[in-house]
Protein backbone atom coordinates (compact mmCIF):
# COMPACT_ATOMS: atom_id res chain seq x y z
CA UNK A 1 -3.90 -16.70 -2.61
CA UNK A 2 -7.03 -17.50 -0.59
CA UNK A 3 -5.53 -20.76 0.68
CA UNK A 4 -2.31 -19.01 1.67
CA UNK A 5 -4.16 -16.32 3.62
CA UNK A 6 -6.27 -18.93 5.41
CA UNK A 7 -3.14 -20.86 6.38
CA UNK A 8 -1.45 -17.72 7.76
CA UNK A 9 -4.51 -16.85 9.84
CA UNK A 10 -4.73 -20.37 11.29
CA UNK A 11 -1.05 -20.97 11.97
CA UNK A 12 -0.48 -17.38 13.10
CA UNK A 13 -2.86 -17.81 16.01
CA UNK A 14 -5.63 -15.52 14.75
CA UNK A 15 -8.14 -18.39 14.57
CA UNK A 16 -7.28 -19.47 18.12
CA UNK A 17 -7.79 -15.95 19.45
CA UNK A 18 -11.11 -15.67 17.61
CA UNK A 19 -12.35 -18.91 19.16
CA UNK A 20 -11.39 -17.59 22.59
CA UNK A 21 -13.55 -14.53 21.94
CA UNK A 22 -16.44 -16.85 21.00
CA UNK A 23 -15.96 -19.26 23.89
CA UNK A 24 -19.36 -18.54 25.47
CA UNK A 25 -21.26 -18.56 22.18
CA UNK A 26 -23.12 -21.21 20.18
CA UNK A 27 -22.86 -22.12 16.51
CA UNK A 28 -25.19 -24.47 14.63
CA UNK A 29 -23.61 -26.09 11.57
CA UNK A 30 -25.77 -26.88 8.52
CA UNK A 31 -24.64 -29.82 6.40
CA UNK A 32 -26.48 -31.66 3.65
CA UNK A 33 -25.08 -34.89 2.20
CA UNK A 34 -21.97 -36.95 2.95
CA UNK A 35 -20.51 -38.83 -0.02
CA UNK A 36 -19.10 -42.30 0.80
CA UNK A 37 -15.46 -43.08 0.05
CA UNK A 38 -14.96 -43.88 -3.64
CA UNK A 39 -18.37 -42.61 -4.76
CA UNK A 40 -18.79 -39.72 -7.22
CA UNK A 41 -19.79 -36.22 -6.16
CA UNK A 42 -22.90 -35.42 -8.21
CA UNK A 43 -25.97 -33.16 -8.16
CA UNK A 44 -25.64 -29.70 -6.64
CA UNK A 45 -21.99 -30.22 -5.77
CA UNK A 46 -21.94 -27.60 -3.01
CA UNK A 47 -24.24 -29.85 -0.93
CA UNK A 48 -22.32 -33.12 -1.23
CA UNK A 49 -19.29 -33.29 1.08
CA UNK A 50 -16.88 -36.23 0.66
CA UNK A 51 -16.68 -38.51 3.69
CA UNK A 52 -12.93 -37.96 4.15
CA UNK A 53 -13.39 -34.18 4.44
CA UNK A 54 -16.33 -34.61 6.79
CA UNK A 55 -14.30 -36.90 9.05
CA UNK A 56 -11.47 -34.35 9.16
CA UNK A 57 -13.93 -31.60 10.09
CA UNK A 58 -15.36 -33.73 12.90
CA UNK A 59 -11.87 -34.34 14.26
CA UNK A 60 -11.28 -30.58 14.24
CA UNK A 61 -14.57 -30.01 16.05
CA UNK A 62 -13.58 -32.47 18.76
CA UNK A 63 -10.24 -30.71 19.14
CA UNK A 64 -11.51 -27.12 19.18
CA UNK A 65 -15.15 -27.02 20.34
CA UNK A 66 -17.73 -28.54 22.65
CA UNK A 67 -20.25 -30.41 20.48
CA UNK A 68 -23.74 -30.32 21.98
CA UNK A 69 -27.17 -31.76 21.07
CA UNK A 70 -29.44 -29.46 19.09
CA UNK A 71 -31.96 -29.45 21.94
CA UNK A 72 -29.37 -27.62 24.09
CA UNK A 73 -28.63 -24.66 21.83
CA UNK A 74 -30.90 -22.19 23.64
CA UNK A 75 -29.50 -23.07 27.05
CA UNK A 76 -26.92 -20.69 28.46
CA UNK A 77 -23.44 -22.06 27.99
CA UNK A 78 -22.04 -20.73 31.25
CA UNK A 79 -18.37 -19.85 31.24
CA UNK A 80 -16.92 -22.58 29.08
CA UNK A 81 -13.49 -22.31 27.54
CA UNK A 82 -14.55 -23.30 24.02
CA UNK A 83 -17.35 -22.46 21.58
CA UNK A 84 -20.43 -24.70 21.66
CA UNK A 85 -21.36 -26.29 18.34
CA UNK A 86 -24.40 -28.30 17.25
CA UNK A 87 -24.37 -30.41 14.08
CA UNK A 88 -27.38 -30.57 11.76
CA UNK A 89 -28.15 -32.04 8.34
CA UNK A 90 -30.89 -30.98 5.96
CA UNK A 91 -32.84 -33.33 3.64
CA UNK A 92 -31.90 -36.74 5.14
CA UNK A 93 -29.79 -37.88 2.21
CA UNK A 94 -28.83 -41.56 2.23
CA UNK A 95 -25.12 -40.68 2.41
CA UNK A 96 -25.71 -38.68 5.58
CA UNK A 97 -27.91 -41.29 7.22
CA UNK A 98 -25.39 -44.07 6.55
CA UNK A 99 -21.71 -43.05 6.37
CA UNK A 100 -22.28 -39.60 7.89
CA UNK A 101 -23.89 -41.12 10.95
CA UNK A 102 -21.15 -43.76 11.18
CA UNK A 103 -18.50 -41.00 11.41
CA UNK A 104 -20.47 -39.24 14.13
CA UNK A 105 -21.01 -42.43 16.13
CA UNK A 106 -17.31 -43.30 15.87
CA UNK A 107 -16.55 -40.06 17.74
CA UNK A 108 -19.56 -40.11 20.06
CA UNK A 109 -20.97 -36.88 18.61
CA UNK A 110 -24.67 -35.93 18.61
CA UNK A 111 -26.46 -34.57 15.55
CA UNK A 112 -29.95 -33.78 14.26
CA UNK A 113 -31.23 -34.74 10.81
CA UNK A 114 -34.02 -32.64 9.30
CA UNK A 115 -36.34 -34.95 7.34
CA UNK A 116 -38.68 -34.26 4.40
CA UNK A 117 -41.20 -37.13 4.76
CA UNK A 118 -42.65 -36.77 1.26
CA UNK A 119 -39.23 -37.75 -0.14
CA UNK A 120 -38.27 -40.52 2.27
CA UNK A 121 -37.34 -43.58 0.23
CA UNK A 122 -38.06 -41.72 -3.02
CA UNK A 123 -36.19 -40.14 -5.89
CA UNK A 124 -33.78 -37.24 -6.07
CA UNK A 125 -34.44 -33.62 -5.19
CA UNK A 126 -34.98 -31.24 -8.11
CA UNK A 127 -31.83 -29.23 -7.41
CA UNK A 128 -29.63 -32.30 -7.71
CA UNK A 129 -31.35 -33.50 -10.88
CA UNK A 130 -31.77 -30.21 -12.74
CA UNK A 131 -29.31 -27.54 -11.60
CA UNK A 132 -26.23 -29.38 -12.98
CA UNK A 133 -27.93 -29.40 -16.40
CA UNK A 134 -28.29 -25.60 -16.46
CA UNK A 135 -24.87 -24.69 -15.10
CA UNK A 136 -24.65 -21.44 -17.09
CA UNK A 137 -28.12 -20.39 -15.94
CA UNK A 138 -28.29 -22.01 -12.52
CA UNK A 139 -28.84 -18.82 -10.51
CA UNK A 140 -31.75 -17.65 -12.67
CA UNK A 141 -33.21 -21.16 -12.80
CA UNK A 142 -33.09 -21.48 -9.02
CA UNK A 143 -34.61 -18.05 -8.47
CA UNK A 144 -37.53 -18.78 -10.78
CA UNK A 145 -37.99 -22.20 -9.18
CA UNK A 146 -38.25 -20.68 -5.71
CA UNK A 147 -40.34 -17.63 -6.58
CA UNK A 148 -42.62 -18.52 -9.49
CA UNK A 149 -42.99 -22.21 -8.63
CA UNK A 150 -42.76 -21.87 -4.82
CA UNK A 151 -39.96 -24.42 -4.58
CA UNK A 152 -42.38 -27.28 -5.30
CA UNK A 153 -40.54 -30.26 -6.74
CA UNK A 154 -43.25 -31.58 -9.07
CA UNK A 155 -44.03 -28.13 -10.50
CA UNK A 156 -40.36 -27.36 -11.13
CA UNK A 157 -39.85 -30.71 -12.83
CA UNK A 158 -42.88 -30.22 -15.04
CA UNK A 159 -41.53 -26.83 -16.10
CA UNK A 160 -38.09 -28.21 -16.89
CA UNK A 161 -39.10 -31.57 -18.36
CA UNK A 162 -39.33 -30.38 -21.95
CA UNK A 163 -35.67 -29.38 -22.13
CA UNK A 164 -33.95 -31.20 -19.27
CA UNK A 165 -33.53 -34.97 -19.02
CA UNK A 166 -31.61 -35.85 -15.87
CA UNK A 167 -29.72 -39.15 -15.62
CA UNK A 168 -30.31 -41.32 -12.53
CA UNK A 169 -28.27 -40.34 -9.49
CA UNK A 170 -26.32 -42.82 -7.33
CA UNK A 171 -28.01 -44.13 -4.20
CA UNK A 172 -26.00 -41.99 -1.80
CA UNK A 173 -27.33 -38.79 -3.44
CA UNK A 174 -31.05 -39.44 -2.89
CA UNK A 175 -33.13 -39.43 0.33
CA UNK A 176 -32.77 -42.30 2.78
CA UNK A 177 -35.48 -44.89 3.36
CA UNK A 178 -37.58 -45.20 6.50
CA UNK A 179 -35.60 -48.30 7.47
CA UNK A 180 -32.32 -46.43 7.11
CA UNK A 181 -33.63 -43.58 9.24
CA UNK A 182 -34.68 -46.07 11.90
CA UNK A 183 -31.20 -47.62 11.90
CA UNK A 184 -29.65 -44.16 12.23
CA UNK A 185 -31.72 -43.07 15.24
CA UNK A 186 -30.95 -46.36 16.95
CA UNK A 187 -27.48 -44.87 17.41
CA UNK A 188 -26.85 -42.82 20.55
CA UNK A 189 -27.12 -39.08 20.00
CA UNK A 190 -28.82 -39.12 16.59
CA UNK A 191 -32.20 -37.39 16.49
CA UNK A 192 -34.71 -36.49 13.78
CA UNK A 193 -36.50 -33.19 13.22
CA UNK A 194 -38.72 -31.58 10.57
CA UNK A 195 -37.78 -30.02 7.24
CA UNK A 196 -41.50 -29.59 6.34
CA UNK A 197 -43.57 -32.19 4.54
CA UNK A 198 -42.49 -31.59 0.93
CA UNK A 199 -39.79 -28.85 0.97
CA UNK A 200 -41.61 -25.89 -0.61
CA UNK A 201 -40.74 -22.23 -0.29
CA UNK A 202 -43.01 -21.50 2.67
CA UNK A 203 -42.96 -17.77 2.01
CA UNK A 204 -44.88 -18.37 -1.25
CA UNK A 205 -47.71 -20.36 0.37
CA UNK A 206 -50.89 -19.21 2.07
CA UNK A 207 -51.40 -19.74 5.80
CA UNK A 208 -53.42 -22.95 5.39
CA UNK A 209 -50.80 -24.54 3.14
CA UNK A 210 -48.00 -23.50 5.51
CA UNK A 211 -49.85 -25.03 8.47
CA UNK A 212 -50.24 -28.34 6.63
CA UNK A 213 -46.55 -28.37 5.64
CA UNK A 214 -45.57 -27.87 9.29
CA UNK A 215 -47.97 -30.15 11.16
CA UNK A 216 -47.81 -33.25 8.93
CA UNK A 217 -44.07 -33.97 9.28
CA UNK A 218 -44.10 -33.85 13.09
CA UNK A 219 -47.06 -36.24 13.18
CA UNK A 220 -45.39 -38.56 10.67
CA UNK A 221 -42.06 -38.59 12.49
CA UNK A 222 -43.49 -39.07 15.99
CA UNK A 223 -45.67 -41.94 14.78
CA UNK A 224 -42.62 -43.83 13.48
CA UNK A 225 -39.60 -42.86 15.58
CA UNK A 226 -38.80 -42.25 19.24
CA UNK A 227 -35.93 -39.78 18.92
CA UNK A 228 -37.82 -36.87 17.36
CA UNK A 229 -37.27 -33.29 18.53
CA UNK A 230 -39.67 -30.39 17.77
CA UNK A 231 -37.29 -28.30 15.70
CA UNK A 232 -37.73 -27.05 12.14
CA UNK A 233 -35.30 -26.17 9.36
CA UNK A 234 -36.90 -23.83 6.84
CA UNK A 235 -36.60 -25.15 3.26
CA UNK A 236 -34.11 -23.09 1.28
CA UNK A 237 -33.58 -21.14 4.52
CA UNK A 238 -36.58 -18.95 3.67
CA UNK A 239 -39.09 -17.71 6.24
CA UNK A 240 -41.27 -14.74 7.15
CA UNK A 241 -43.01 -13.49 10.31
CA UNK A 242 -46.17 -15.35 9.27
CA UNK A 243 -44.22 -18.58 8.74
CA UNK A 244 -42.51 -18.18 12.12
CA UNK A 245 -45.85 -17.73 13.87
CA UNK A 246 -47.22 -20.78 12.09
CA UNK A 247 -44.23 -22.84 13.26
CA UNK A 248 -44.84 -21.76 16.86
CA UNK A 249 -48.54 -22.64 16.56
CA UNK A 250 -47.64 -26.04 15.12
CA UNK A 251 -45.75 -26.93 18.29
CA UNK A 252 -42.13 -26.38 17.30
CA UNK A 253 -39.62 -25.23 19.89
CA UNK A 254 -37.71 -23.21 17.32
CA UNK A 255 -36.73 -22.97 13.66
CA UNK A 256 -33.51 -22.41 11.73
CA UNK A 257 -32.44 -20.61 8.61
CA UNK A 258 -29.48 -21.98 6.66
CA UNK A 259 -27.31 -18.89 7.07
CA UNK A 260 -26.55 -16.10 9.54
CA UNK A 261 -23.65 -17.51 11.55
CA UNK A 262 -23.54 -17.54 15.35
CA UNK A 263 -26.59 -17.46 17.60
CA UNK A 264 -27.14 -14.02 19.16
CA UNK A 265 -25.74 -13.66 22.66
CA UNK A 266 -29.00 -12.48 24.20
CA UNK A 267 -32.63 -13.49 23.67
CA UNK A 268 -32.58 -14.84 20.11
CA UNK A 269 -35.83 -15.14 18.18
CA UNK A 270 -36.44 -18.89 18.45
CA UNK A 271 -38.16 -18.92 15.05
CA UNK A 272 -35.46 -17.05 13.16
CA UNK A 273 -32.35 -18.83 14.40
CA UNK A 274 -29.19 -18.67 12.28
CA UNK A 275 -26.91 -21.48 11.23
CA UNK A 276 -23.57 -21.66 9.47
CA UNK A 277 -23.78 -23.49 6.16
CA UNK A 278 -20.77 -25.70 5.44
CA UNK A 279 -20.33 -25.95 1.66
CA UNK A 280 -18.53 -28.93 0.18
CA UNK A 281 -15.69 -26.78 -1.13
CA UNK A 282 -14.52 -25.35 2.19
CA UNK A 283 -10.88 -26.08 3.03
CA UNK A 284 -9.68 -27.40 6.39
CA UNK A 285 -8.18 -24.00 7.21
CA UNK A 286 -11.38 -22.32 6.05
CA UNK A 287 -13.37 -24.57 8.35
CA UNK A 288 -11.13 -23.70 11.31
CA UNK A 289 -11.60 -20.00 10.58
CA UNK A 290 -15.37 -20.45 10.47
CA UNK A 291 -15.22 -21.99 13.94
CA UNK A 292 -13.70 -18.72 15.11
CA UNK A 293 -16.34 -16.57 13.41
CA UNK A 294 -13.82 -15.22 10.88
CA UNK A 295 -15.47 -16.57 7.72
CA UNK A 296 -18.99 -17.45 6.63
CA UNK A 297 -22.44 -16.34 7.69
């Protein structure tokens, strides 16, 4: 039923009309990993989008929207005829940095990758290792991990180690190496930004710990790469007024949640900017409706 309704809305012209109404607005898309052709979808499956679906979404973006660099999202769009869209990726998964970037480059599209330096070239993230093992209790497990254990990978793993033994994940589902990041930013339009140093829940840390999590990644990135922009994606999409102030003090131009939809038309708070999360299960019609502001926030 859902698929049928989506198809009617798209082919009936509703999606086109909605995009016309959003033609002077800006949308920032939040992706995570891109799974290469023929490889399994593993981990937190909502975060791992098959390459074929990603390529189809990019083709739709080219057809329906103006894709802009992330650095341009706060600039006024003028009186364009189509919505403005920026593409971002959280976590710098290897699949994103390799086949995801190749799909972008093939179409000449810019994108920003938010990097967690503590995980570069390392093992899997806790949510990919552990959440699939507690499928019946995933929501409660995640909530406790974010609140009680502040989203800290090592602490969460220590808590779950006694009852959860995760098998190794394929290479595409773990963070990219420094060399792979360097190869990605050598491509025109690909930039790197910060996803904090170690991906904690910043709202559960004191001011000193938050400051360290925000300053270290920018220093690390700028020391190693040329195409680094001073933008932040909050881990888990969680922030607070204190965290926003700390991000401003650390030298960021702005910071993004992982939800919220379209940027406000007037004077958005640069340190509480929304994005539209694109889950792996979204259909092509569902994606087109999201580009018109009809689904998703």
